Amino acid sequence: MGDIAFLLIIFFLLLSDSSKDKKLPLTLPSSTQVKKNETPVAARVAIDSAGVIYLDGHRVDTAKDIEWGVRALLTRTVADEQRHVQFKCDAALPKETFEPVLKAIAEAGGIIEAIGEKLQ
C-alpha cells in the first residue's frame, strides 16, 4: 500500500503546474484571428523547432504517446470545459510533423486550443 501511495505522489508531482511551463525554443505562428482564452487546460502539448514532442513539459517519443497520455489525463473529466488541451508548435514545422499529434489529441478526446501570436 505504501508503494502505491509513493507512486501516486510522484505521478502528481510530475504533472503539477510547475513542470508544465518549461520554455521551448520555438517561434509561434502568427495570425489576426488569435484571441486570449481563459479556459483552464487539462494538458499542454508542444513541438519544438527540431520536431521534438513534449507532453506537459516532458519529452515523449511518438504521437501515440501523446494520445495515451492525454487519454489518461482526461479520464476523470465530465464536462467539455475540462477537456481542453493546449497545443503549440514552431511555425516552421511542416504539417507532416504536427498533424499526427493533432490527430492523437483529438482521438484521445481532447479539445484542441492552438497557441499563436497576434499579427499586428
PDB file of N, CA and C in Angstrom:
ATOM      1  N   MET A   1       0.819  -1.182   0.000  1.00  0.00           N
ATOM      2  CA  MET A   1       0.000   0.000   0.000  1.00  0.00           C
ATOM      3  C   MET A   1       0.876   1.264   0.000  1.00  0.00           C
ATOM      4  N   GLY A   2       1.964   1.206   0.733  1.00  0.00           N
ATOM      5  CA  GLY A   2       2.881   2.339   0.771  1.00  0.00           C
ATOM      6  C   GLY A   2       3.511   2.617  -0.578  1.00  0.00           C
ATOM      7  N   ASP A   3       3.823   1.555  -1.342  1.00  0.00           N
ATOM      8  CA  ASP A   3       4.410   1.724  -2.670  1.00  0.00           C
ATOM      9  C   ASP A   3       3.445   2.440  -3.599  1.00  0.00           C
ATOM     10  N   ILE A   4       2.185   2.075  -3.530  1.00  0.00           N
ATOM     11  CA  ILE A   4       1.185   2.707  -4.393  1.00  0.00           C
ATOM     12  C   ILE A   4       1.044   4.179  -4.057  1.00  0.00           C
ATOM     13  N   ALA A   5       1.006   4.497  -2.783  1.00  0.00           N
ATOM     14  CA  ALA A   5       0.897   5.897  -2.363  1.00  0.00           C
ATOM     15  C   ALA A   5       2.110   6.691  -2.831  1.00  0.00           C
ATOM     16  N   PHE A   6       3.291   6.121  -2.703  1.00  0.00           N
ATOM     17  CA  PHE A   6       4.513   6.795  -3.142  1.00  0.00           C
ATOM     18  C   PHE A   6       4.492   7.031  -4.647  1.00  0.00           C
ATOM     19  N   LEU A   7       4.064   6.043  -5.430  1.00  0.00           N
ATOM     20  CA  LEU A   7       3.982   6.203  -6.882  1.00  0.00           C
ATOM     21  C   LEU A   7       2.956   7.264  -7.275  1.00  0.00           C
ATOM     22  N   LEU A   8       1.849   7.330  -6.570  1.00  0.00           N
ATOM     23  CA  LEU A   8       0.851   8.363  -6.851  1.00  0.00           C
ATOM     24  C   LEU A   8       1.392   9.755  -6.562  1.00  0.00           C
ATOM     25  N   ILE A   9       2.149   9.896  -5.493  1.00  0.00           N
ATOM     26  CA  ILE A   9       2.750  11.192  -5.177  1.00  0.00           C
ATOM     27  C   ILE A   9       3.702  11.609  -6.288  1.00  0.00           C
ATOM     28  N   ILE A  10       4.535  10.704  -6.756  1.00  0.00           N
ATOM     29  CA  ILE A  10       5.466  11.013  -7.839  1.00  0.00           C
ATOM     30  C   ILE A  10       4.699  11.384  -9.104  1.00  0.00           C
ATOM     31  N   PHE A  11       3.648  10.632  -9.417  1.00  0.00           N
ATOM     32  CA  PHE A  11       2.831  10.902 -10.605  1.00  0.00           C
ATOM     33  C   PHE A  11       2.264  12.320 -10.564  1.00  0.00           C
ATOM     34  N   PHE A  12       1.697  12.714  -9.438  1.00  0.00           N
ATOM     35  CA  PHE A  12       1.097  14.046  -9.347  1.00  0.00           C
ATOM     36  C   PHE A  12       2.145  15.151  -9.314  1.00  0.00           C
ATOM     37  N   LEU A  13       3.312  14.890  -8.778  1.00  0.00           N
ATOM     38  CA  LEU A  13       4.376  15.876  -8.816  1.00  0.00           C
ATOM     39  C   LEU A  13       4.836  16.132 -10.250  1.00  0.00           C
ATOM     40  N   LEU A  14       4.921  15.069 -11.043  1.00  0.00           N
ATOM     41  CA  LEU A  14       5.330  15.224 -12.430  1.00  0.00           C
ATOM     42  C   LEU A  14       4.302  15.991 -13.253  1.00  0.00           C
ATOM     43  N   LEU A  15       3.057  15.861 -12.891  1.00  0.00           N
ATOM     44  CA  LEU A  15       2.002  16.514 -13.647  1.00  0.00           C
ATOM     45  C   LEU A  15       1.570  17.850 -13.057  1.00  0.00           C
ATOM     46  N   SER A  16       2.273  18.316 -12.067  1.00  0.00           N
ATOM     47  CA  SER A  16       1.902  19.585 -11.443  1.00  0.00           C
ATOM     48  C   SER A  16       2.185  20.750 -12.391  1.00  0.00           C
ATOM     49  N   ASP A  17       1.596  21.891 -12.108  1.00  0.00           N
ATOM     50  CA  ASP A  17       1.745  23.068 -12.956  1.00  0.00           C
ATOM     51  C   ASP A  17       3.178  23.562 -13.038  1.00  0.00           C
ATOM     52  N   SER A  18       3.980  23.323 -12.033  1.00  0.00           N
ATOM     53  CA  SER A  18       5.348  23.828 -12.056  1.00  0.00           C
ATOM     54  C   SER A  18       6.183  23.177 -13.149  1.00  0.00           C
ATOM     55  N   SER A  19       5.857  21.948 -13.543  1.00  0.00           N
ATOM     56  CA  SER A  19       6.631  21.281 -14.588  1.00  0.00           C
ATOM     57  C   SER A  19       6.064  21.519 -15.976  1.00  0.00           C
ATOM     58  N   LYS A  20       4.942  22.224 -16.078  1.00  0.00           N
ATOM     59  CA  LYS A  20       4.281  22.388 -17.373  1.00  0.00           C
ATOM     60  C   LYS A  20       4.769  23.589 -18.163  1.00  0.00           C
ATOM     61  N   ASP A  21       5.398  24.542 -17.538  1.00  0.00           N
ATOM     62  CA  ASP A  21       5.712  25.789 -18.203  1.00  0.00           C
ATOM     63  C   ASP A  21       7.184  25.941 -18.566  1.00  0.00           C
ATOM     64  N   LYS A  22       7.795  24.900 -19.037  1.00  0.00           N
ATOM     65  CA  LYS A  22       9.189  24.986 -19.452  1.00  0.00           C
ATOM     66  C   LYS A  22       9.267  25.731 -20.781  1.00  0.00           C
ATOM     67  N   LYS A  23      10.299  26.523 -20.935  1.00  0.00           N
ATOM     68  CA  LYS A  23      10.488  27.291 -22.159  1.00  0.00           C
ATOM     69  C   LYS A  23      11.106  26.405 -23.243  1.00  0.00           C
ATOM     70  N   LEU A  24      10.472  26.392 -24.402  1.00  0.00           N
ATOM     71  CA  LEU A  24      10.973  25.611 -25.519  1.00  0.00           C
ATOM     72  C   LEU A  24      11.447  26.554 -26.613  1.00  0.00           C
ATOM     73  N   PRO A  25      12.476  26.156 -27.367  1.00  0.00           N
ATOM     74  CA  PRO A  25      12.953  27.015 -28.452  1.00  0.00           C
ATOM     75  C   PRO A  25      12.028  26.919 -29.660  1.00  0.00           C
ATOM     76  N   LEU A  26      11.014  27.788 -29.717  1.00  0.00           N
ATOM     77  CA  LEU A  26      10.122  27.762 -30.866  1.00  0.00           C
ATOM     78  C   LEU A  26       9.567  29.142 -31.162  1.00  0.00           C
ATOM     79  N   THR A  27       9.236  29.346 -32.432  1.00  0.00           N
ATOM     80  CA  THR A  27       8.616  30.571 -32.904  1.00  0.00           C
ATOM     81  C   THR A  27       7.164  30.260 -33.200  1.00  0.00           C
ATOM     82  N   LEU A  28       6.257  30.914 -32.490  1.00  0.00           N
ATOM     83  CA  LEU A  28       4.840  30.630 -32.660  1.00  0.00           C
ATOM     84  C   LEU A  28       4.319  31.197 -33.976  1.00  0.00           C
ATOM     85  N   PRO A  29       3.346  30.527 -34.591  1.00  0.00           N
ATOM     86  CA  PRO A  29       2.733  31.067 -35.809  1.00  0.00           C
ATOM     87  C   PRO A  29       1.949  32.347 -35.491  1.00  0.00           C
ATOM     88  N   SER A  30       1.807  33.224 -36.485  1.00  0.00           N
ATOM     89  CA  SER A  30       1.098  34.487 -36.298  1.00  0.00           C
ATOM     90  C   SER A  30      -0.192  34.488 -37.093  1.00  0.00           C
ATOM     91  N   SER A  31      -1.198  35.178 -36.549  1.00  0.00           N
ATOM     92  CA  SER A  31      -2.488  35.283 -37.219  1.00  0.00           C
ATOM     93  C   SER A  31      -3.244  36.483 -36.666  1.00  0.00           C
ATOM     94  N   THR A  32      -4.158  37.027 -37.449  1.00  0.00           N
ATOM     95  CA  THR A  32      -5.018  38.105 -36.974  1.00  0.00           C
ATOM     96  C   THR A  32      -6.178  37.531 -36.167  1.00  0.00           C
ATOM     97  N   GLN A  33      -6.396  36.229 -36.215  1.00  0.00           N
ATOM     98  CA  GLN A  33      -7.519  35.556 -35.571  1.00  0.00           C
ATOM     99  C   GLN A  33      -7.215  35.092 -34.144  1.00  0.00           C
ATOM    100  N   VAL A  34      -6.079  35.449 -33.595  1.00  0.00           N
ATOM    101  CA  VAL A  34      -5.690  34.997 -32.260  1.00  0.00           C
ATOM    102  C   VAL A  34      -6.474  35.772 -31.210  1.00  0.00           C
ATOM    103  N   LYS A  35      -7.020  35.038 -30.226  1.00  0.00           N
ATOM    104  CA  LYS A  35      -7.697  35.696 -29.112  1.00  0.00           C
ATOM    105  C   LYS A  35      -7.303  34.993 -27.816  1.00  0.00           C
ATOM    106  N   LYS A  36      -7.362  35.726 -26.731  1.00  0.00           N
ATOM    107  CA  LYS A  36      -6.992  35.175 -25.423  1.00  0.00           C
ATOM    108  C   LYS A  36      -8.086  34.246 -24.934  1.00  0.00           C
ATOM    109  N   ASN A  37      -7.666  33.114 -24.399  1.00  0.00           N
ATOM    110  CA  ASN A  37      -8.617  32.135 -23.890  1.00  0.00           C
ATOM    111  C   ASN A  37      -8.348  31.920 -22.406  1.00  0.00           C
ATOM    112  N   GLU A  38      -9.384  32.007 -21.607  1.00  0.00           N
ATOM    113  CA  GLU A  38      -9.255  31.878 -20.155  1.00  0.00           C
ATOM    114  C   GLU A  38      -9.597  30.476 -19.652  1.00  0.00           C
ATOM    115  N   THR A  39      -9.913  29.550 -20.553  1.00  0.00           N
ATOM    116  CA  THR A  39     -10.312  28.206 -20.157  1.00  0.00           C
ATOM    117  C   THR A  39      -9.120  27.450 -19.570  1.00  0.00           C
ATOM    118  N   PRO A  40      -9.283  26.816 -18.423  1.00  0.00           N
ATOM    119  CA  PRO A  40      -8.182  26.006 -17.881  1.00  0.00           C
ATOM    120  C   PRO A  40      -7.929  24.785 -18.772  1.00  0.00           C
ATOM    121  N   VAL A  41      -6.677  24.395 -18.882  1.00  0.00           N
ATOM    122  CA  VAL A  41      -6.325  23.274 -19.748  1.00  0.00           C
ATOM    123  C   VAL A  41      -5.983  22.041 -18.928  1.00  0.00           C
ATOM    124  N   ALA A  42      -6.317  20.884 -19.491  1.00  0.00           N
ATOM    125  CA  ALA A  42      -6.026  19.616 -18.823  1.00  0.00           C
ATOM    126  C   ALA A  42      -4.614  19.144 -19.126  1.00  0.00           C
ATOM    127  N   ALA A  43      -4.091  19.547 -20.283  1.00  0.00           N
ATOM    128  CA  ALA A  43      -2.745  19.120 -20.691  1.00  0.00           C
ATOM    129  C   ALA A  43      -2.160  20.157 -21.637  1.00  0.00           C
ATOM    130  N   ARG A  44      -0.837  20.141 -21.742  1.00  0.00           N
ATOM    131  CA  ARG A  44      -0.124  21.023 -22.664  1.00  0.00           C
ATOM    132  C   ARG A  44       0.763  20.169 -23.557  1.00  0.00           C
ATOM    133  N   VAL A  45       0.594  20.341 -24.875  1.00  0.00           N
ATOM    134  CA  VAL A  45       1.393  19.600 -25.852  1.00  0.00           C
ATOM    135  C   VAL A  45       2.161  20.621 -26.677  1.00  0.00           C
ATOM    136  N   ALA A  46       3.449  20.374 -26.879  1.00  0.00           N
ATOM    137  CA  ALA A  46       4.287  21.288 -27.655  1.00  0.00           C
ATOM    138  C   ALA A  46       5.232  20.495 -28.542  1.00  0.00           C
ATOM    139  N   ILE A  47       5.569  21.107 -29.681  1.00  0.00           N
ATOM    140  CA  ILE A  47       6.574  20.540 -30.585  1.00  0.00           C
ATOM    141  C   ILE A  47       7.576  21.645 -30.858  1.00  0.00           C
ATOM    142  N   ASP A  48       8.849  21.410 -30.526  1.00  0.00           N
ATOM    143  CA  ASP A  48       9.852  22.451 -30.710  1.00  0.00           C
ATOM    144  C   ASP A  48      10.340  22.505 -32.150  1.00  0.00           C
ATOM    145  N   SER A  49      11.280  23.400 -32.412  1.00  0.00           N
ATOM    146  CA  SER A  49      11.762  23.626 -33.777  1.00  0.00           C
ATOM    147  C   SER A  49      12.476  22.417 -34.369  1.00  0.00           C
ATOM    148  N   ALA A  50      12.948  21.504 -33.525  1.00  0.00           N
ATOM    149  CA  ALA A  50      13.608  20.288 -34.009  1.00  0.00           C
ATOM    150  C   ALA A  50      12.617  19.140 -34.217  1.00  0.00           C
ATOM    151  N   GLY A  51      11.333  19.365 -33.913  1.00  0.00           N
ATOM    152  CA  GLY A  51      10.325  18.326 -34.074  1.00  0.00           C
ATOM    153  C   GLY A  51      10.176  17.414 -32.873  1.00  0.00           C
ATOM    154  N   VAL A  52      10.765  17.790 -31.745  1.00  0.00           N
ATOM    155  CA  VAL A  52      10.662  17.002 -30.520  1.00  0.00           C
ATOM    156  C   VAL A  52       9.317  17.305 -29.859  1.00  0.00           C
ATOM    157  N   ILE A  53       8.603  16.260 -29.454  1.00  0.00           N
ATOM    158  CA  ILE A  53       7.262  16.390 -28.895  1.00  0.00           C
ATOM    159  C   ILE A  53       7.339  16.359 -27.366  1.00  0.00           C
ATOM    160  N   TYR A  54       6.568  17.252 -26.727  1.00  0.00           N
ATOM    161  CA  TYR A  54       6.515  17.335 -25.268  1.00  0.00           C
ATOM    162  C   TYR A  54       5.067  17.265 -24.794  1.00  0.00           C
ATOM    163  N   LEU A  55       4.834  16.533 -23.716  1.00  0.00           N
ATOM    164  CA  LEU A  55       3.541  16.488 -23.047  1.00  0.00           C
ATOM    165  C   LEU A  55       3.750  17.009 -21.632  1.00  0.00           C
ATOM    166  N   ASP A  56       3.152  18.148 -21.334  1.00  0.00           N
ATOM    167  CA  ASP A  56       3.301  18.799 -20.031  1.00  0.00           C
ATOM    168  C   ASP A  56       4.766  18.992 -19.650  1.00  0.00           C
ATOM    169  N   GLY A  57       5.581  19.367 -20.615  1.00  0.00           N
ATOM    170  CA  GLY A  57       6.981  19.667 -20.364  1.00  0.00           C
ATOM    171  C   GLY A  57       7.921  18.480 -20.385  1.00  0.00           C
ATOM    172  N   HIS A  58       7.387  17.281 -20.580  1.00  0.00           N
ATOM    173  CA  HIS A  58       8.213  16.081 -20.616  1.00  0.00           C
ATOM    174  C   HIS A  58       8.255  15.522 -22.028  1.00  0.00           C
ATOM    175  N   ARG A  59       9.444  15.187 -22.473  1.00  0.00           N
ATOM    176  CA  ARG A  59       9.633  14.685 -23.826  1.00  0.00           C
ATOM    177  C   ARG A  59       8.964  13.313 -24.003  1.00  0.00           C
ATOM    178  N   VAL A  60       8.277  13.141 -25.133  1.00  0.00           N
ATOM    179  CA  VAL A  60       7.689  11.855 -25.499  1.00  0.00           C
ATOM    180  C   VAL A  60       8.187  11.491 -26.896  1.00  0.00           C
ATOM    181  N   ASP A  61       8.087  10.204 -27.232  1.00  0.00           N
ATOM    182  CA  ASP A  61       8.673   9.742 -28.483  1.00  0.00           C
ATOM    183  C   ASP A  61       7.756   9.852 -29.701  1.00  0.00           C
ATOM    184  N   THR A  62       6.487   9.542 -29.527  1.00  0.00           N
ATOM    185  CA  THR A  62       5.594   9.480 -30.691  1.00  0.00           C
ATOM    186  C   THR A  62       4.255  10.145 -30.405  1.00  0.00           C
ATOM    187  N   ALA A  63       3.481  10.322 -31.461  1.00  0.00           N
ATOM    188  CA  ALA A  63       2.130  10.856 -31.322  1.00  0.00           C
ATOM    189  C   ALA A  63       1.248   9.884 -30.536  1.00  0.00           C
ATOM    190  N   LYS A  64       1.508   8.604 -30.651  1.00  0.00           N
ATOM    191  CA  LYS A  64       0.731   7.608 -29.903  1.00  0.00           C
ATOM    192  C   LYS A  64       0.928   7.807 -28.400  1.00  0.00           C
ATOM    193  N   ASP A  65       2.132   8.190 -27.984  1.00  0.00           N
ATOM    194  CA  ASP A  65       2.383   8.501 -26.573  1.00  0.00           C
ATOM    195  C   ASP A  65       1.538   9.701 -26.124  1.00  0.00           C
ATOM    196  N   ILE A  66       1.379  10.670 -27.011  1.00  0.00           N
ATOM    197  CA  ILE A  66       0.528  11.828 -26.718  1.00  0.00           C
ATOM    198  C   ILE A  66      -0.914  11.371 -26.536  1.00  0.00           C
ATOM    199  N   GLU A  67      -1.381  10.504 -27.440  1.00  0.00           N
ATOM    200  CA  GLU A  67      -2.759  10.022 -27.340  1.00  0.00           C
ATOM    201  C   GLU A  67      -3.015   9.349 -26.001  1.00  0.00           C
ATOM    202  N   TRP A  68      -2.136   8.442 -25.605  1.00  0.00           N
ATOM    203  CA  TRP A  68      -2.337   7.716 -24.355  1.00  0.00           C
ATOM    204  C   TRP A  68      -2.159   8.621 -23.138  1.00  0.00           C
ATOM    205  N   GLY A  69      -1.224   9.564 -23.214  1.00  0.00           N
ATOM    206  CA  GLY A  69      -1.028  10.491 -22.106  1.00  0.00           C
ATOM    207  C   GLY A  69      -2.221  11.415 -21.911  1.00  0.00           C
ATOM    208  N   VAL A  70      -2.738  11.966 -23.003  1.00  0.00           N
ATOM    209  CA  VAL A  70      -3.904  12.847 -22.918  1.00  0.00           C
ATOM    210  C   VAL A  70      -5.122  12.048 -22.472  1.00  0.00           C
ATOM    211  N   ARG A  71      -5.275  10.850 -23.005  1.00  0.00           N
ATOM    212  CA  ARG A  71      -6.398   9.995 -22.602  1.00  0.00           C
ATOM    213  C   ARG A  71      -6.368   9.736 -21.085  1.00  0.00           C
ATOM    214  N   ALA A  72      -5.176   9.489 -20.551  1.00  0.00           N
ATOM    215  CA  ALA A  72      -5.042   9.251 -19.108  1.00  0.00           C
ATOM    216  C   ALA A  72      -5.386  10.508 -18.308  1.00  0.00           C
ATOM    217  N   LEU A  73      -4.968  11.662 -18.802  1.00  0.00           N
ATOM    218  CA  LEU A  73      -5.246  12.904 -18.089  1.00  0.00           C
ATOM    219  C   LEU A  73      -6.727  13.290 -18.143  1.00  0.00           C
ATOM    220  N   LEU A  74      -7.434  12.805 -19.150  1.00  0.00           N
ATOM    221  CA  LEU A  74      -8.845  13.163 -19.319  1.00  0.00           C
ATOM    222  C   LEU A  74      -9.802  12.125 -18.745  1.00  0.00           C
ATOM    223  N   THR A  75      -9.299  11.096 -18.087  1.00  0.00           N
ATOM    224  CA  THR A  75     -10.180  10.024 -17.611  1.00  0.00           C
ATOM    225  C   THR A  75     -11.213  10.498 -16.600  1.00  0.00           C
ATOM    226  N   ARG A  76     -10.903  11.487 -15.806  1.00  0.00           N
ATOM    227  CA  ARG A  76     -11.840  11.942 -14.781  1.00  0.00           C
ATOM    228  C   ARG A  76     -12.611  13.193 -15.188  1.00  0.00           C
ATOM    229  N   THR A  77     -12.546  13.583 -16.448  1.00  0.00           N
ATOM    230  CA  THR A  77     -13.276  14.769 -16.880  1.00  0.00           C
ATOM    231  C   THR A  77     -14.735  14.428 -17.133  1.00  0.00           C
ATOM    232  N   VAL A  78     -15.590  15.389 -16.865  1.00  0.00           N
ATOM    233  CA  VAL A  78     -17.021  15.197 -17.042  1.00  0.00           C
ATOM    234  C   VAL A  78     -17.549  16.134 -18.124  1.00  0.00           C
ATOM    235  N   ALA A  79     -17.172  17.393 -18.049  1.00  0.00           N
ATOM    236  CA  ALA A  79     -17.687  18.401 -18.972  1.00  0.00           C
ATOM    237  C   ALA A  79     -16.653  18.753 -20.033  1.00  0.00           C
ATOM    238  N   ASP A  80     -17.135  19.348 -21.133  1.00  0.00           N
ATOM    239  CA  ASP A  80     -16.238  19.762 -22.208  1.00  0.00           C
ATOM    240  C   ASP A  80     -15.225  20.805 -21.746  1.00  0.00           C
ATOM    241  N   GLU A  81     -15.602  21.630 -20.759  1.00  0.00           N
ATOM    242  CA  GLU A  81     -14.697  22.664 -20.261  1.00  0.00           C
ATOM    243  C   GLU A  81     -13.448  22.075 -19.608  1.00  0.00           C
ATOM    244  N   GLN A  82     -13.499  20.807 -19.239  1.00  0.00           N
ATOM    245  CA  GLN A  82     -12.372  20.154 -18.578  1.00  0.00           C
ATOM    246  C   GLN A  82     -11.478  19.396 -19.555  1.00  0.00           C
ATOM    247  N   ARG A  83     -11.816  19.401 -20.843  1.00  0.00           N
ATOM    248  CA  ARG A  83     -11.095  18.577 -21.810  1.00  0.00           C
ATOM    249  C   ARG A  83     -10.212  19.382 -22.760  1.00  0.00           C
ATOM    250  N   HIS A  84      -9.919  20.625 -22.428  1.00  0.00           N
ATOM    251  CA  HIS A  84      -9.116  21.462 -23.309  1.00  0.00           C
ATOM    252  C   HIS A  84      -7.639  21.084 -23.211  1.00  0.00           C
ATOM    253  N   VAL A  85      -7.010  20.954 -24.377  1.00  0.00           N
ATOM    254  CA  VAL A  85      -5.589  20.622 -24.461  1.00  0.00           C
ATOM    255  C   VAL A  85      -4.906  21.745 -25.235  1.00  0.00           C
ATOM    256  N   GLN A  86      -3.941  22.389 -24.601  1.00  0.00           N
ATOM    257  CA  GLN A  86      -3.200  23.475 -25.231  1.00  0.00           C
ATOM    258  C   GLN A  86      -2.153  22.886 -26.170  1.00  0.00           C
ATOM    259  N   PHE A  87      -2.126  23.365 -27.424  1.00  0.00           N
ATOM    260  CA  PHE A  87      -1.172  22.864 -28.413  1.00  0.00           C
ATOM    261  C   PHE A  87      -0.392  24.028 -28.991  1.00  0.00           C
ATOM    262  N   LYS A  88       0.932  23.891 -28.987  1.00  0.00           N
ATOM    263  CA  LYS A  88       1.762  24.884 -29.660  1.00  0.00           C
ATOM    264  C   LYS A  88       2.913  24.192 -30.354  1.00  0.00           C
ATOM    265  N   CYS A  89       3.281  24.740 -31.508  1.00  0.00           N
ATOM    266  CA  CYS A  89       4.411  24.185 -32.256  1.00  0.00           C
ATOM    267  C   CYS A  89       5.117  25.314 -32.985  1.00  0.00           C
ATOM    268  N   ASP A  90       6.310  25.034 -33.429  1.00  0.00           N
ATOM    269  CA  ASP A  90       7.102  26.006 -34.158  1.00  0.00           C
ATOM    270  C   ASP A  90       6.443  26.304 -35.491  1.00  0.00           C
ATOM    271  N   ALA A  91       6.452  27.566 -35.898  1.00  0.00           N
ATOM    272  CA  ALA A  91       5.802  27.989 -37.139  1.00  0.00           C
ATOM    273  C   ALA A  91       6.454  27.386 -38.378  1.00  0.00           C
ATOM    274  N   ALA A  92       7.701  27.004 -38.300  1.00  0.00           N
ATOM    275  CA  ALA A  92       8.417  26.490 -39.464  1.00  0.00           C
ATOM    276  C   ALA A  92       8.216  24.990 -39.689  1.00  0.00           C
ATOM    277  N   LEU A  93       7.545  24.311 -38.775  1.00  0.00           N
ATOM    278  CA  LEU A  93       7.362  22.862 -38.924  1.00  0.00           C
ATOM    279  C   LEU A  93       6.399  22.531 -40.052  1.00  0.00           C
ATOM    280  N   PRO A  94       6.716  21.511 -40.848  1.00  0.00           N
ATOM    281  CA  PRO A  94       5.774  21.094 -41.892  1.00  0.00           C
ATOM    282  C   PRO A  94       4.572  20.374 -41.277  1.00  0.00           C
ATOM    283  N   LYS A  95       3.463  20.377 -42.006  1.00  0.00           N
ATOM    284  CA  LYS A  95       2.244  19.781 -41.447  1.00  0.00           C
ATOM    285  C   LYS A  95       2.383  18.287 -41.210  1.00  0.00           C
ATOM    286  N   GLU A  96       3.283  17.623 -41.897  1.00  0.00           N
ATOM    287  CA  GLU A  96       3.505  16.193 -41.678  1.00  0.00           C
ATOM    288  C   GLU A  96       4.044  15.912 -40.282  1.00  0.00           C
ATOM    289  N   THR A  97       4.642  16.914 -39.669  1.00  0.00           N
ATOM    290  CA  THR A  97       5.194  16.758 -38.329  1.00  0.00           C
ATOM    291  C   THR A  97       4.128  16.927 -37.255  1.00  0.00           C
ATOM    292  N   PHE A  98       3.266  17.950 -37.395  1.00  0.00           N
ATOM    293  CA  PHE A  98       2.314  18.224 -36.315  1.00  0.00           C
ATOM    294  C   PHE A  98       0.930  17.614 -36.509  1.00  0.00           C
ATOM    295  N   GLU A  99       0.549  17.237 -37.729  1.00  0.00           N
ATOM    296  CA  GLU A  99      -0.778  16.657 -37.938  1.00  0.00           C
ATOM    297  C   GLU A  99      -1.016  15.364 -37.159  1.00  0.00           C
ATOM    298  N   PRO A 100      -0.050  14.426 -37.097  1.00  0.00           N
ATOM    299  CA  PRO A 100      -0.289  13.223 -36.285  1.00  0.00           C
ATOM    300  C   PRO A 100      -0.513  13.527 -34.802  1.00  0.00           C
ATOM    301  N   VAL A 101       0.128  14.571 -34.303  1.00  0.00           N
ATOM    302  CA  VAL A 101      -0.044  14.947 -32.904  1.00  0.00           C
ATOM    303  C   VAL A 101      -1.442  15.525 -32.682  1.00  0.00           C
ATOM    304  N   LEU A 102      -1.898  16.370 -33.599  1.00  0.00           N
ATOM    305  CA  LEU A 102      -3.253  16.910 -33.500  1.00  0.00           C
ATOM    306  C   LEU A 102      -4.293  15.794 -33.566  1.00  0.00           C
ATOM    307  N   LYS A 103      -4.072  14.838 -34.445  1.00  0.00           N
ATOM    308  CA  LYS A 103      -4.985  13.699 -34.571  1.00  0.00           C
ATOM    309  C   LYS A 103      -4.995  12.878 -33.277  1.00  0.00           C
ATOM    310  N   ALA A 104      -3.828  12.700 -32.664  1.00  0.00           N
ATOM    311  CA  ALA A 104      -3.728  11.934 -31.415  1.00  0.00           C
ATOM    312  C   ALA A 104      -4.493  12.632 -30.291  1.00  0.00           C
ATOM    313  N   ILE A 105      -4.401  13.959 -30.214  1.00  0.00           N
ATOM    314  CA  ILE A 105      -5.135  14.703 -29.183  1.00  0.00           C
ATOM    315  C   ILE A 105      -6.634  14.535 -29.397  1.00  0.00           C
ATOM    316  N   ALA A 106      -7.072  14.657 -30.640  1.00  0.00           N
ATOM    317  CA  ALA A 106      -8.497  14.516 -30.944  1.00  0.00           C
ATOM    318  C   ALA A 106      -8.998  13.105 -30.644  1.00  0.00           C
ATOM    319  N   GLU A 107      -8.223  12.090 -30.991  1.00  0.00           N
ATOM    320  CA  GLU A 107      -8.634  10.712 -30.739  1.00  0.00           C
ATOM    321  C   GLU A 107      -8.676  10.390 -29.247  1.00  0.00           C
ATOM    322  N   ALA A 108      -7.890  11.118 -28.457  1.00  0.00           N
ATOM    323  CA  ALA A 108      -7.906  10.920 -27.008  1.00  0.00           C
ATOM    324  C   ALA A 108      -9.096  11.618 -26.355  1.00  0.00           C
ATOM    325  N   GLY A 109      -9.807  12.439 -27.122  1.00  0.00           N
ATOM    326  CA  GLY A 109     -10.973  13.132 -26.590  1.00  0.00           C
ATOM    327  C   GLY A 109     -10.705  14.554 -26.155  1.00  0.00           C
ATOM    328  N   GLY A 110      -9.542  15.091 -26.502  1.00  0.00           N
ATOM    329  CA  GLY A 110      -9.202  16.451 -26.115  1.00  0.00           C
ATOM    330  C   GLY A 110      -9.772  17.480 -27.071  1.00  0.00           C
ATOM    331  N   ILE A 111     -10.052  18.656 -26.551  1.00  0.00           N
ATOM    332  CA  ILE A 111     -10.469  19.803 -27.356  1.00  0.00           C
ATOM    333  C   ILE A 111      -9.229  20.664 -27.539  1.00  0.00           C
ATOM    334  N   ILE A 112      -8.799  20.842 -28.774  1.00  0.00           N
ATOM    335  CA  ILE A 112      -7.510  21.473 -29.071  1.00  0.00           C
ATOM    336  C   ILE A 112      -7.622  22.991 -29.018  1.00  0.00           C
ATOM    337  N   GLU A 113      -6.698  23.612 -28.293  1.00  0.00           N
ATOM    338  CA  GLU A 113      -6.534  25.062 -28.264  1.00  0.00           C
ATOM    339  C   GLU A 113      -5.152  25.368 -28.817  1.00  0.00           C
ATOM    340  N   ALA A 114      -5.095  25.840 -30.044  1.00  0.00           N
ATOM    341  CA  ALA A 114      -3.811  26.172 -30.663  1.00  0.00           C
ATOM    342  C   ALA A 114      -3.330  27.528 -30.153  1.00  0.00           C
ATOM    343  N   ILE A 115      -2.049  27.615 -29.891  1.00  0.00           N
ATOM    344  CA  ILE A 115      -1.430  28.834 -29.362  1.00  0.00           C
ATOM    345  C   ILE A 115      -0.663  29.518 -30.489  1.00  0.00           C
ATOM    346  N   GLY A 116      -0.828  30.831 -30.594  1.00  0.00           N
ATOM    347  CA  GLY A 116      -0.125  31.602 -31.599  1.00  0.00           C
ATOM    348  C   GLY A 116       0.072  33.030 -31.116  1.00  0.00           C
ATOM    349  N   GLU A 117       0.693  33.844 -31.971  1.00  0.00           N
ATOM    350  CA  GLU A 117       0.918  35.252 -31.663  1.00  0.00           C
ATOM    351  C   GLU A 117       0.002  36.095 -32.530  1.00  0.00           C
ATOM    352  N   LYS A 118      -0.473  37.194 -31.965  1.00  0.00           N
ATOM    353  CA  LYS A 118      -1.358  38.103 -32.676  1.00  0.00           C
ATOM    354  C   LYS A 118      -0.568  38.873 -33.725  1.00  0.00           C
ATOM    355  N   LEU A 119      -1.035  38.824 -34.964  1.00  0.00           N
ATOM    356  CA  LEU A 119      -0.411  39.549 -36.068  1.00  0.00           C
ATOM    357  C   LEU A 119      -0.859  41.006 -36.019  1.00  0.00           C
ATOM    358  N   GLN A 120       0.074  41.925 -36.042  1.00  0.00           N
ATOM    359  CA  GLN A 120      -0.268  43.363 -35.955  1.00  0.00           C
ATOM    360  C   GLN A 120      -0.775  43.892 -37.260  1.00  0.00           C
TER     361      GLN A 120
END
